[in-house]
Amino acid sequence: SSGDRHISAVNIAGDALNTSAMFLNEI
């Protein structure tokens, strides 16, 4: 909430970026 960031993945060419949203309707 204060704007601090954690990066949980670095995606590379060929990766799908938001697959879970296709099944859960949100991310």
mmCIF file of all heavy atoms, coordinates in Angstrom:
data_MODEL
# 
_entry.id   MODEL 
# 
loop_
_atom_site.group_PDB 
_atom_site.id 
_atom_site.type_symbol 
_atom_site.label_atom_id 
_atom_site.label_alt_id 
_atom_site.label_comp_id 
_atom_site.label_asym_id 
_atom_site.label_entity_id 
_atom_site.label_seq_id 
_atom_site.pdbx_PDB_ins_code 
_atom_site.Cartn_x 
_atom_site.Cartn_y 
_atom_site.Cartn_z 
_atom_site.occupancy 
_atom_site.B_iso_or_equiv 
_atom_site.pdbx_formal_charge 
_atom_site.auth_seq_id 
_atom_site.auth_comp_id 
_atom_site.auth_asym_id 
_atom_site.auth_atom_id 
_atom_site.pdbx_PDB_model_num 
ATOM 1   N N   . SER A 1 1  ? 0.821   -1.210  0.000   1.00 0.00 ? 1  SER A N   1 
ATOM 2   C CA  . SER A 1 1  ? 0.000   0.000   0.000   1.00 0.00 ? 1  SER A CA  1 
ATOM 3   C C   . SER A 1 1  ? 0.857   1.263   0.000   1.00 0.00 ? 1  SER A C   1 
ATOM 4   O O   . SER A 1 1  ? 0.406   2.323   -0.437  1.00 0.00 ? 1  SER A O   1 
ATOM 5   C CB  . SER A 1 1  ? -0.929  0.000   1.212   1.00 0.00 ? 1  SER A CB  1 
ATOM 6   O OG  . SER A 1 1  ? -0.180  -0.081  2.424   1.00 0.00 ? 1  SER A OG  1 
ATOM 7   N N   . SER A 1 2  ? 2.108   1.147   0.472   1.00 0.00 ? 2  SER A N   1 
ATOM 8   C CA  . SER A 1 2  ? 3.001   2.311   0.492   1.00 0.00 ? 2  SER A CA  1 
ATOM 9   C C   . SER A 1 2  ? 3.824   2.433   -0.785  1.00 0.00 ? 2  SER A C   1 
ATOM 10  O O   . SER A 1 2  ? 4.615   3.365   -0.928  1.00 0.00 ? 2  SER A O   1 
ATOM 11  C CB  . SER A 1 2  ? 3.944   2.226   1.698   1.00 0.00 ? 2  SER A CB  1 
ATOM 12  O OG  . SER A 1 2  ? 4.735   1.048   1.634   1.00 0.00 ? 2  SER A OG  1 
ATOM 13  N N   . GLY A 1 3  ? 3.648   1.485   -1.720  1.00 0.00 ? 3  GLY A N   1 
ATOM 14  C CA  . GLY A 1 3  ? 4.333   1.572   -3.003  1.00 0.00 ? 3  GLY A CA  1 
ATOM 15  C C   . GLY A 1 3  ? 5.607   0.776   -3.114  1.00 0.00 ? 3  GLY A C   1 
ATOM 16  O O   . GLY A 1 3  ? 6.267   0.782   -4.166  1.00 0.00 ? 3  GLY A O   1 
ATOM 17  N N   . ASP A 1 4  ? 5.998   0.043   -2.060  1.00 0.00 ? 4  ASP A N   1 
ATOM 18  C CA  . ASP A 1 4  ? 7.171   -0.815  -2.146  1.00 0.00 ? 4  ASP A CA  1 
ATOM 19  C C   . ASP A 1 4  ? 6.873   -1.983  -3.081  1.00 0.00 ? 4  ASP A C   1 
ATOM 20  O O   . ASP A 1 4  ? 5.758   -2.528  -3.083  1.00 0.00 ? 4  ASP A O   1 
ATOM 21  C CB  . ASP A 1 4  ? 7.569   -1.334  -0.770  1.00 0.00 ? 4  ASP A CB  1 
ATOM 22  C CG  . ASP A 1 4  ? 8.103   -0.231  0.130   1.00 0.00 ? 4  ASP A CG  1 
ATOM 23  O OD1 . ASP A 1 4  ? 8.715   0.716   -0.409  1.00 0.00 ? 4  ASP A OD1 1 
ATOM 24  O OD2 . ASP A 1 4  ? 7.900   -0.304  1.355   1.00 0.00 ? 4  ASP A OD2 1 
ATOM 25  N N   . ARG A 1 5  ? 7.878   -2.400  -3.830  1.00 0.00 ? 5  ARG A N   1 
ATOM 26  C CA  . ARG A 1 5  ? 7.667   -3.383  -4.886  1.00 0.00 ? 5  ARG A CA  1 
ATOM 27  C C   . ARG A 1 5  ? 8.426   -4.675  -4.614  1.00 0.00 ? 5  ARG A C   1 
ATOM 28  O O   . ARG A 1 5  ? 9.546   -4.652  -4.114  1.00 0.00 ? 5  ARG A O   1 
ATOM 29  C CB  . ARG A 1 5  ? 8.138   -2.798  -6.228  1.00 0.00 ? 5  ARG A CB  1 
ATOM 30  C CG  . ARG A 1 5  ? 8.122   -3.779  -7.400  1.00 0.00 ? 5  ARG A CG  1 
ATOM 31  C CD  . ARG A 1 5  ? 8.596   -3.127  -8.677  1.00 0.00 ? 5  ARG A CD  1 
ATOM 32  N NE  . ARG A 1 5  ? 10.002  -2.726  -8.609  1.00 0.00 ? 5  ARG A NE  1 
ATOM 33  C CZ  . ARG A 1 5  ? 10.679  -2.199  -9.628  1.00 0.00 ? 5  ARG A CZ  1 
ATOM 34  N NH1 . ARG A 1 5  ? 10.051  -1.973  -10.781 1.00 0.00 ? 5  ARG A NH1 1 
ATOM 35  N NH2 . ARG A 1 5  ? 11.944  -1.865  -9.501  1.00 0.00 ? 5  ARG A NH2 1 
ATOM 36  N N   . HIS A 1 6  ? 7.791   -5.795  -4.951  1.00 0.00 ? 6  HIS A N   1 
ATOM 37  C CA  . HIS A 1 6  ? 8.499   -7.072  -5.020  1.00 0.00 ? 6  HIS A CA  1 
ATOM 38  C C   . HIS A 1 6  ? 8.255   -7.672  -6.396  1.00 0.00 ? 6  HIS A C   1 
ATOM 39  O O   . HIS A 1 6  ? 7.101   -7.794  -6.833  1.00 0.00 ? 6  HIS A O   1 
ATOM 40  C CB  . HIS A 1 6  ? 8.031   -8.052  -3.954  1.00 0.00 ? 6  HIS A CB  1 
ATOM 41  C CG  . HIS A 1 6  ? 8.672   -9.400  -4.092  1.00 0.00 ? 6  HIS A CG  1 
ATOM 42  N ND1 . HIS A 1 6  ? 10.024  -9.609  -3.898  1.00 0.00 ? 6  HIS A ND1 1 
ATOM 43  C CD2 . HIS A 1 6  ? 8.162   -10.603 -4.439  1.00 0.00 ? 6  HIS A CD2 1 
ATOM 44  C CE1 . HIS A 1 6  ? 10.317  -10.874 -4.104  1.00 0.00 ? 6  HIS A CE1 1 
ATOM 45  N NE2 . HIS A 1 6  ? 9.202   -11.503 -4.442  1.00 0.00 ? 6  HIS A NE2 1 
ATOM 46  N N   . ILE A 1 7  ? 9.331   -8.025  -7.094  1.00 0.00 ? 7  ILE A N   1 
ATOM 47  C CA  . ILE A 1 7  ? 9.231   -8.649  -8.408  1.00 0.00 ? 7  ILE A CA  1 
ATOM 48  C C   . ILE A 1 7  ? 9.240   -10.154 -8.215  1.00 0.00 ? 7  ILE A C   1 
ATOM 49  O O   . ILE A 1 7  ? 10.184  -10.710 -7.652  1.00 0.00 ? 7  ILE A O   1 
ATOM 50  C CB  . ILE A 1 7  ? 10.395  -8.201  -9.320  1.00 0.00 ? 7  ILE A CB  1 
ATOM 51  C CG1 . ILE A 1 7  ? 10.285  -6.695  -9.595  1.00 0.00 ? 7  ILE A CG1 1 
ATOM 52  C CG2 . ILE A 1 7  ? 10.377  -8.985  -10.630 1.00 0.00 ? 7  ILE A CG2 1 
ATOM 53  C CD1 . ILE A 1 7  ? 11.477  -6.119  -10.335 1.00 0.00 ? 7  ILE A CD1 1 
ATOM 54  N N   . SER A 1 8  ? 8.182   -10.818 -8.683  1.00 0.00 ? 8  SER A N   1 
ATOM 55  C CA  . SER A 1 8  ? 8.034   -12.252 -8.457  1.00 0.00 ? 8  SER A CA  1 
ATOM 56  C C   . SER A 1 8  ? 8.324   -13.096 -9.690  1.00 0.00 ? 8  SER A C   1 
ATOM 57  O O   . SER A 1 8  ? 8.287   -14.332 -9.605  1.00 0.00 ? 8  SER A O   1 
ATOM 58  C CB  . SER A 1 8  ? 6.618   -12.564 -7.952  1.00 0.00 ? 8  SER A CB  1 
ATOM 59  O OG  . SER A 1 8  ? 5.646   -12.128 -8.888  1.00 0.00 ? 8  SER A OG  1 
ATOM 60  N N   . ALA A 1 9  ? 8.611   -12.460 -10.832 1.00 0.00 ? 9  ALA A N   1 
ATOM 61  C CA  . ALA A 1 9  ? 8.981   -13.216 -12.032 1.00 0.00 ? 9  ALA A CA  1 
ATOM 62  C C   . ALA A 1 9  ? 9.608   -12.277 -13.049 1.00 0.00 ? 9  ALA A C   1 
ATOM 63  O O   . ALA A 1 9  ? 9.208   -11.113 -13.164 1.00 0.00 ? 9  ALA A O   1 
ATOM 64  C CB  . ALA A 1 9  ? 7.767   -13.921 -12.646 1.00 0.00 ? 9  ALA A CB  1 
ATOM 65  N N   . VAL A 1 10 ? 10.583  -12.808 -13.772 1.00 0.00 ? 10 VAL A N   1 
ATOM 66  C CA  . VAL A 1 10 ? 11.136  -12.133 -14.942 1.00 0.00 ? 10 VAL A CA  1 
ATOM 67  C C   . VAL A 1 10 ? 10.823  -13.028 -16.131 1.00 0.00 ? 10 VAL A C   1 
ATOM 68  O O   . VAL A 1 10 ? 11.343  -14.139 -16.238 1.00 0.00 ? 10 VAL A O   1 
ATOM 69  C CB  . VAL A 1 10 ? 12.661  -11.914 -14.818 1.00 0.00 ? 10 VAL A CB  1 
ATOM 70  C CG1 . VAL A 1 10 ? 13.199  -11.272 -16.100 1.00 0.00 ? 10 VAL A CG1 1 
ATOM 71  C CG2 . VAL A 1 10 ? 12.986  -11.045 -13.610 1.00 0.00 ? 10 VAL A CG2 1 
ATOM 72  N N   . ASN A 1 11 ? 9.933   -12.567 -16.990 1.00 0.00 ? 11 ASN A N   1 
ATOM 73  C CA  . ASN A 1 11 ? 9.492   -13.370 -18.129 1.00 0.00 ? 11 ASN A CA  1 
ATOM 74  C C   . ASN A 1 11 ? 10.323  -13.073 -19.362 1.00 0.00 ? 11 ASN A C   1 
ATOM 75  O O   . ASN A 1 11 ? 10.755  -11.941 -19.582 1.00 0.00 ? 11 ASN A O   1 
ATOM 76  C CB  . ASN A 1 11 ? 8.018   -13.115 -18.426 1.00 0.00 ? 11 ASN A CB  1 
ATOM 77  C CG  . ASN A 1 11 ? 7.117   -13.603 -17.314 1.00 0.00 ? 11 ASN A CG  1 
ATOM 78  O OD1 . ASN A 1 11 ? 6.476   -12.817 -16.636 1.00 0.00 ? 11 ASN A OD1 1 
ATOM 79  N ND2 . ASN A 1 11 ? 7.070   -14.915 -17.105 1.00 0.00 ? 11 ASN A ND2 1 
ATOM 80  N N   . ILE A 1 12 ? 10.523  -14.110 -20.177 1.00 0.00 ? 12 ILE A N   1 
ATOM 81  C CA  . ILE A 1 12 ? 11.326  -14.001 -21.391 1.00 0.00 ? 12 ILE A CA  1 
ATOM 82  C C   . ILE A 1 12 ? 10.486  -14.421 -22.593 1.00 0.00 ? 12 ILE A C   1 
ATOM 83  O O   . ILE A 1 12 ? 9.340   -14.863 -22.454 1.00 0.00 ? 12 ILE A O   1 
ATOM 84  C CB  . ILE A 1 12 ? 12.603  -14.862 -21.293 1.00 0.00 ? 12 ILE A CB  1 
ATOM 85  C CG1 . ILE A 1 12 ? 12.256  -16.355 -21.174 1.00 0.00 ? 12 ILE A CG1 1 
ATOM 86  C CG2 . ILE A 1 12 ? 13.440  -14.429 -20.088 1.00 0.00 ? 12 ILE A CG2 1 
ATOM 87  C CD1 . ILE A 1 12 ? 13.478  -17.267 -21.149 1.00 0.00 ? 12 ILE A CD1 1 
ATOM 88  N N   . ALA A 1 13 ? 11.054  -14.263 -23.788 1.00 0.00 ? 13 ALA A N   1 
ATOM 89  C CA  . ALA A 1 13 ? 10.317  -14.524 -25.023 1.00 0.00 ? 13 ALA A CA  1 
ATOM 90  C C   . ALA A 1 13 ? 9.714   -15.927 -25.030 1.00 0.00 ? 13 ALA A C   1 
ATOM 91  O O   . ALA A 1 13 ? 10.389  -16.917 -24.756 1.00 0.00 ? 13 ALA A O   1 
ATOM 92  C CB  . ALA A 1 13 ? 11.245  -14.342 -26.223 1.00 0.00 ? 13 ALA A CB  1 
ATOM 93  N N   . GLY A 1 14 ? 8.423   -15.987 -25.334 1.00 0.00 ? 14 GLY A N   1 
ATOM 94  C CA  . GLY A 1 14 ? 7.686   -17.247 -25.359 1.00 0.00 ? 14 GLY A CA  1 
ATOM 95  C C   . GLY A 1 14 ? 6.785   -17.433 -24.172 1.00 0.00 ? 14 GLY A C   1 
ATOM 96  O O   . GLY A 1 14 ? 5.864   -18.264 -24.208 1.00 0.00 ? 14 GLY A O   1 
ATOM 97  N N   . ASP A 1 15 ? 7.010   -16.666 -23.096 1.00 0.00 ? 15 ASP A N   1 
ATOM 98  C CA  . ASP A 1 15 ? 6.199   -16.814 -21.888 1.00 0.00 ? 15 ASP A CA  1 
ATOM 99  C C   . ASP A 1 15 ? 4.837   -16.160 -22.034 1.00 0.00 ? 15 ASP A C   1 
ATOM 100 O O   . ASP A 1 15 ? 4.715   -15.053 -22.565 1.00 0.00 ? 15 ASP A O   1 
ATOM 101 C CB  . ASP A 1 15 ? 6.895   -16.176 -20.683 1.00 0.00 ? 15 ASP A CB  1 
ATOM 102 C CG  . ASP A 1 15 ? 8.020   -17.025 -20.125 1.00 0.00 ? 15 ASP A CG  1 
ATOM 103 O OD1 . ASP A 1 15 ? 8.107   -18.217 -20.476 1.00 0.00 ? 15 ASP A OD1 1 
ATOM 104 O OD2 . ASP A 1 15 ? 8.811   -16.494 -19.321 1.00 0.00 ? 15 ASP A OD2 1 
ATOM 105 N N   . ALA A 1 16 ? 3.819   -16.843 -21.513 1.00 0.00 ? 16 ALA A N   1 
ATOM 106 C CA  . ALA A 1 16 ? 2.523   -16.203 -21.293 1.00 0.00 ? 16 ALA A CA  1 
ATOM 107 C C   . ALA A 1 16 ? 2.619   -15.408 -20.002 1.00 0.00 ? 16 ALA A C   1 
ATOM 108 O O   . ALA A 1 16 ? 3.238   -15.855 -19.033 1.00 0.00 ? 16 ALA A O   1 
ATOM 109 C CB  . ALA A 1 16 ? 1.424   -17.251 -21.206 1.00 0.00 ? 16 ALA A CB  1 
ATOM 110 N N   . LEU A 1 17 ? 2.029   -14.219 -19.967 1.00 0.00 ? 17 LEU A N   1 
ATOM 111 C CA  . LEU A 1 17 ? 2.242   -13.307 -18.855 1.00 0.00 ? 17 LEU A CA  1 
ATOM 112 C C   . LEU A 1 17 ? 1.116   -13.299 -17.838 1.00 0.00 ? 17 LEU A C   1 
ATOM 113 O O   . LEU A 1 17 ? 1.326   -12.854 -16.700 1.00 0.00 ? 17 LEU A O   1 
ATOM 114 C CB  . LEU A 1 17 ? 2.456   -11.884 -19.397 1.00 0.00 ? 17 LEU A CB  1 
ATOM 115 C CG  . LEU A 1 17 ? 3.590   -11.722 -20.411 1.00 0.00 ? 17 LEU A CG  1 
ATOM 116 C CD1 . LEU A 1 17 ? 3.691   -10.272 -20.854 1.00 0.00 ? 17 LEU A CD1 1 
ATOM 117 C CD2 . LEU A 1 17 ? 4.909   -12.214 -19.842 1.00 0.00 ? 17 LEU A CD2 1 
ATOM 118 N N   . ASN A 1 18 ? -0.057  -13.752 -18.209 1.00 0.00 ? 18 ASN A N   1 
ATOM 119 C CA  . ASN A 1 18 ? -1.202  -13.665 -17.281 1.00 0.00 ? 18 ASN A CA  1 
ATOM 120 C C   . ASN A 1 18 ? -2.165  -14.839 -17.469 1.00 0.00 ? 18 ASN A C   1 
ATOM 121 O O   . ASN A 1 18 ? -3.385  -14.663 -17.485 1.00 0.00 ? 18 ASN A O   1 
ATOM 122 C CB  . ASN A 1 18 ? -1.938  -12.340 -17.455 1.00 0.00 ? 18 ASN A CB  1 
ATOM 123 C CG  . ASN A 1 18 ? -2.507  -12.161 -18.861 1.00 0.00 ? 18 ASN A CG  1 
ATOM 124 O OD1 . ASN A 1 18 ? -2.144  -12.875 -19.791 1.00 0.00 ? 18 ASN A OD1 1 
ATOM 125 N ND2 . ASN A 1 18 ? -3.413  -11.208 -19.016 1.00 0.00 ? 18 ASN A ND2 1 
ATOM 126 N N   . THR A 1 19 ? -1.613  -16.045 -17.586 1.00 0.00 ? 19 THR A N   1 
ATOM 127 C CA  . THR A 1 19 ? -2.440  -17.225 -17.847 1.00 0.00 ? 19 THR A CA  1 
ATOM 128 C C   . THR A 1 19 ? -3.511  -17.429 -16.796 1.00 0.00 ? 19 THR A C   1 
ATOM 129 O O   . THR A 1 19 ? -4.652  -17.813 -17.106 1.00 0.00 ? 19 THR A O   1 
ATOM 130 C CB  . THR A 1 19 ? -1.551  -18.481 -17.919 1.00 0.00 ? 19 THR A CB  1 
ATOM 131 O OG1 . THR A 1 19 ? -0.465  -18.247 -18.816 1.00 0.00 ? 19 THR A OG1 1 
ATOM 132 C CG2 . THR A 1 19 ? -2.337  -19.674 -18.412 1.00 0.00 ? 19 THR A CG2 1 
ATOM 133 N N   . SER A 1 20 ? -3.181  -17.185 -15.533 1.00 0.00 ? 20 SER A N   1 
ATOM 134 C CA  . SER A 1 20 ? -4.147  -17.436 -14.460 1.00 0.00 ? 20 SER A CA  1 
ATOM 135 C C   . SER A 1 20 ? -5.432  -16.635 -14.646 1.00 0.00 ? 20 SER A C   1 
ATOM 136 O O   . SER A 1 20 ? -6.521  -17.084 -14.261 1.00 0.00 ? 20 SER A O   1 
ATOM 137 C CB  . SER A 1 20 ? -3.522  -17.105 -13.105 1.00 0.00 ? 20 SER A CB  1 
ATOM 138 O OG  . SER A 1 20 ? -3.139  -15.749 -13.032 1.00 0.00 ? 20 SER A OG  1 
ATOM 139 N N   . ALA A 1 21 ? -5.319  -15.455 -15.247 1.00 0.00 ? 21 ALA A N   1 
ATOM 140 C CA  . ALA A 1 21 ? -6.500  -14.612 -15.444 1.00 0.00 ? 21 ALA A CA  1 
ATOM 141 C C   . ALA A 1 21 ? -7.484  -15.228 -16.424 1.00 0.00 ? 21 ALA A C   1 
ATOM 142 O O   . ALA A 1 21 ? -8.681  -14.903 -16.406 1.00 0.00 ? 21 ALA A O   1 
ATOM 143 C CB  . ALA A 1 21 ? -6.089  -13.230 -15.934 1.00 0.00 ? 21 ALA A CB  1 
ATOM 144 N N   . MET A 1 22 ? -7.018  -16.129 -17.298 1.00 0.00 ? 22 MET A N   1 
ATOM 145 C CA  . MET A 1 22 ? -7.914  -16.776 -18.238 1.00 0.00 ? 22 MET A CA  1 
ATOM 146 C C   . MET A 1 22 ? -8.834  -17.780 -17.533 1.00 0.00 ? 22 MET A C   1 
ATOM 147 O O   . MET A 1 22 ? -9.891  -18.151 -18.052 1.00 0.00 ? 22 MET A O   1 
ATOM 148 C CB  . MET A 1 22 ? -7.114  -17.483 -19.330 1.00 0.00 ? 22 MET A CB  1 
ATOM 149 C CG  . MET A 1 22 ? -6.197  -16.569 -20.150 1.00 0.00 ? 22 MET A CG  1 
ATOM 150 S SD  . MET A 1 22 ? -7.056  -15.218 -21.011 1.00 0.00 ? 22 MET A SD  1 
ATOM 151 C CE  . MET A 1 22 ? -6.685  -13.820 -19.940 1.00 0.00 ? 22 MET A CE  1 
ATOM 152 N N   . PHE A 1 23 ? -8.427  -18.215 -16.343 1.00 0.00 ? 23 PHE A N   1 
ATOM 153 C CA  . PHE A 1 23 ? -9.219  -19.194 -15.592 1.00 0.00 ? 23 PHE A CA  1 
ATOM 154 C C   . PHE A 1 23 ? -9.902  -18.584 -14.372 1.00 0.00 ? 23 PHE A C   1 
ATOM 155 O O   . PHE A 1 23 ? -10.960 -19.051 -13.957 1.00 0.00 ? 23 PHE A O   1 
ATOM 156 C CB  . PHE A 1 23 ? -8.314  -20.352 -15.145 1.00 0.00 ? 23 PHE A CB  1 
ATOM 157 C CG  . PHE A 1 23 ? -7.648  -21.070 -16.285 1.00 0.00 ? 23 PHE A CG  1 
ATOM 158 C CD1 . PHE A 1 23 ? -6.353  -20.761 -16.655 1.00 0.00 ? 23 PHE A CD1 1 
ATOM 159 C CD2 . PHE A 1 23 ? -8.328  -22.040 -17.005 1.00 0.00 ? 23 PHE A CD2 1 
ATOM 160 C CE1 . PHE A 1 23 ? -5.735  -21.408 -17.717 1.00 0.00 ? 23 PHE A CE1 1 
ATOM 161 C CE2 . PHE A 1 23 ? -7.723  -22.697 -18.067 1.00 0.00 ? 23 PHE A CE2 1 
ATOM 162 C CZ  . PHE A 1 23 ? -6.420  -22.380 -18.428 1.00 0.00 ? 23 PHE A CZ  1 
ATOM 163 N N   . LEU A 1 24 ? -9.297  -17.537 -13.805 1.00 0.00 ? 24 LEU A N   1 
ATOM 164 C CA  . LEU A 1 24 ? -9.832  -16.941 -12.579 1.00 0.00 ? 24 LEU A CA  1 
ATOM 165 C C   . LEU A 1 24 ? -10.555 -15.619 -12.820 1.00 0.00 ? 24 LEU A C   1 
ATOM 166 O O   . LEU A 1 24 ? -11.133 -15.061 -11.897 1.00 0.00 ? 24 LEU A O   1 
ATOM 167 C CB  . LEU A 1 24 ? -8.690  -16.709 -11.581 1.00 0.00 ? 24 LEU A CB  1 
ATOM 168 C CG  . LEU A 1 24 ? -7.936  -17.956 -11.126 1.00 0.00 ? 24 LEU A CG  1 
ATOM 169 C CD1 . LEU A 1 24 ? -6.791  -17.559 -10.197 1.00 0.00 ? 24 LEU A CD1 1 
ATOM 170 C CD2 . LEU A 1 24 ? -8.869  -18.936 -10.419 1.00 0.00 ? 24 LEU A CD2 1 
ATOM 171 N N   . ASN A 1 25 ? -10.472 -15.115 -14.033 1.00 0.00 ? 25 ASN A N   1 
ATOM 172 C CA  . ASN A 1 25 ? -11.136 -13.871 -14.427 1.00 0.00 ? 25 ASN A CA  1 
ATOM 173 C C   . ASN A 1 25 ? -10.535 -12.620 -13.796 1.00 0.00 ? 25 ASN A C   1 
ATOM 174 O O   . ASN A 1 25 ? -11.058 -11.520 -13.977 1.00 0.00 ? 25 ASN A O   1 
ATOM 175 C CB  . ASN A 1 25 ? -12.640 -13.916 -14.111 1.00 0.00 ? 25 ASN A CB  1 
ATOM 176 C CG  . ASN A 1 25 ? -13.352 -15.037 -14.834 1.00 0.00 ? 25 ASN A CG  1 
ATOM 177 O OD1 . ASN A 1 25 ? -13.089 -15.278 -16.011 1.00 0.00 ? 25 ASN A OD1 1 
ATOM 178 N ND2 . ASN A 1 25 ? -14.224 -15.736 -14.138 1.00 0.00 ? 25 ASN A ND2 1 
ATOM 179 N N   . GLU A 1 26 ? -9.476  -12.774 -13.028 1.00 0.00 ? 26 GLU A N   1 
ATOM 180 C CA  . GLU A 1 26 ? -8.815  -11.618 -12.444 1.00 0.00 ? 26 GLU A CA  1 
ATOM 181 C C   . GLU A 1 26 ? -7.389  -12.009 -12.066 1.00 0.00 ? 26 GLU A C   1 
ATOM 182 O O   . GLU A 1 26 ? -7.047  -13.202 -12.055 1.00 0.00 ? 26 GLU A O   1 
ATOM 183 C CB  . GLU A 1 26 ? -9.552  -11.126 -11.209 1.00 0.00 ? 26 GLU A CB  1 
ATOM 184 C CG  . GLU A 1 26 ? -9.646  -12.157 -10.096 1.00 0.00 ? 26 GLU A CG  1 
ATOM 185 C CD  . GLU A 1 26 ? -10.450 -11.655 -8.905  1.00 0.00 ? 26 GLU A CD  1 
ATOM 186 O OE1 . GLU A 1 26 ? -11.457 -10.954 -9.125  1.00 0.00 ? 26 GLU A OE1 1 
ATOM 187 O OE2 . GLU A 1 26 ? -10.051 -11.970 -7.772  1.00 0.00 ? 26 GLU A OE2 1 
ATOM 188 N N   . ILE A 1 27 ? -6.566  -11.026 -11.777 1.00 0.00 ? 27 ILE A N   1 
ATOM 189 C CA  . ILE A 1 27 ? -5.207  -11.294 -11.330 1.00 0.00 ? 27 ILE A CA  1 
ATOM 190 C C   . ILE A 1 27 ? -4.924  -10.476 -10.083 1.00 0.00 ? 27 ILE A C   1 
ATOM 191 O O   . ILE A 1 27 ? -5.606  -9.488  -9.801  1.00 0.00 ? 27 ILE A O   1 
ATOM 192 C CB  . ILE A 1 27 ? -4.158  -10.966 -12.426 1.00 0.00 ? 27 ILE A CB  1 
ATOM 193 C CG1 . ILE A 1 27 ? -4.227  -9.484  -12.823 1.00 0.00 ? 27 ILE A CG1 1 
ATOM 194 C CG2 . ILE A 1 27 ? -4.318  -11.862 -13.628 1.00 0.00 ? 27 ILE A CG2 1 
ATOM 195 C CD1 . ILE A 1 27 ? -3.119  -9.075  -13.778 1.00 0.00 ? 27 ILE A CD1 1 
# 
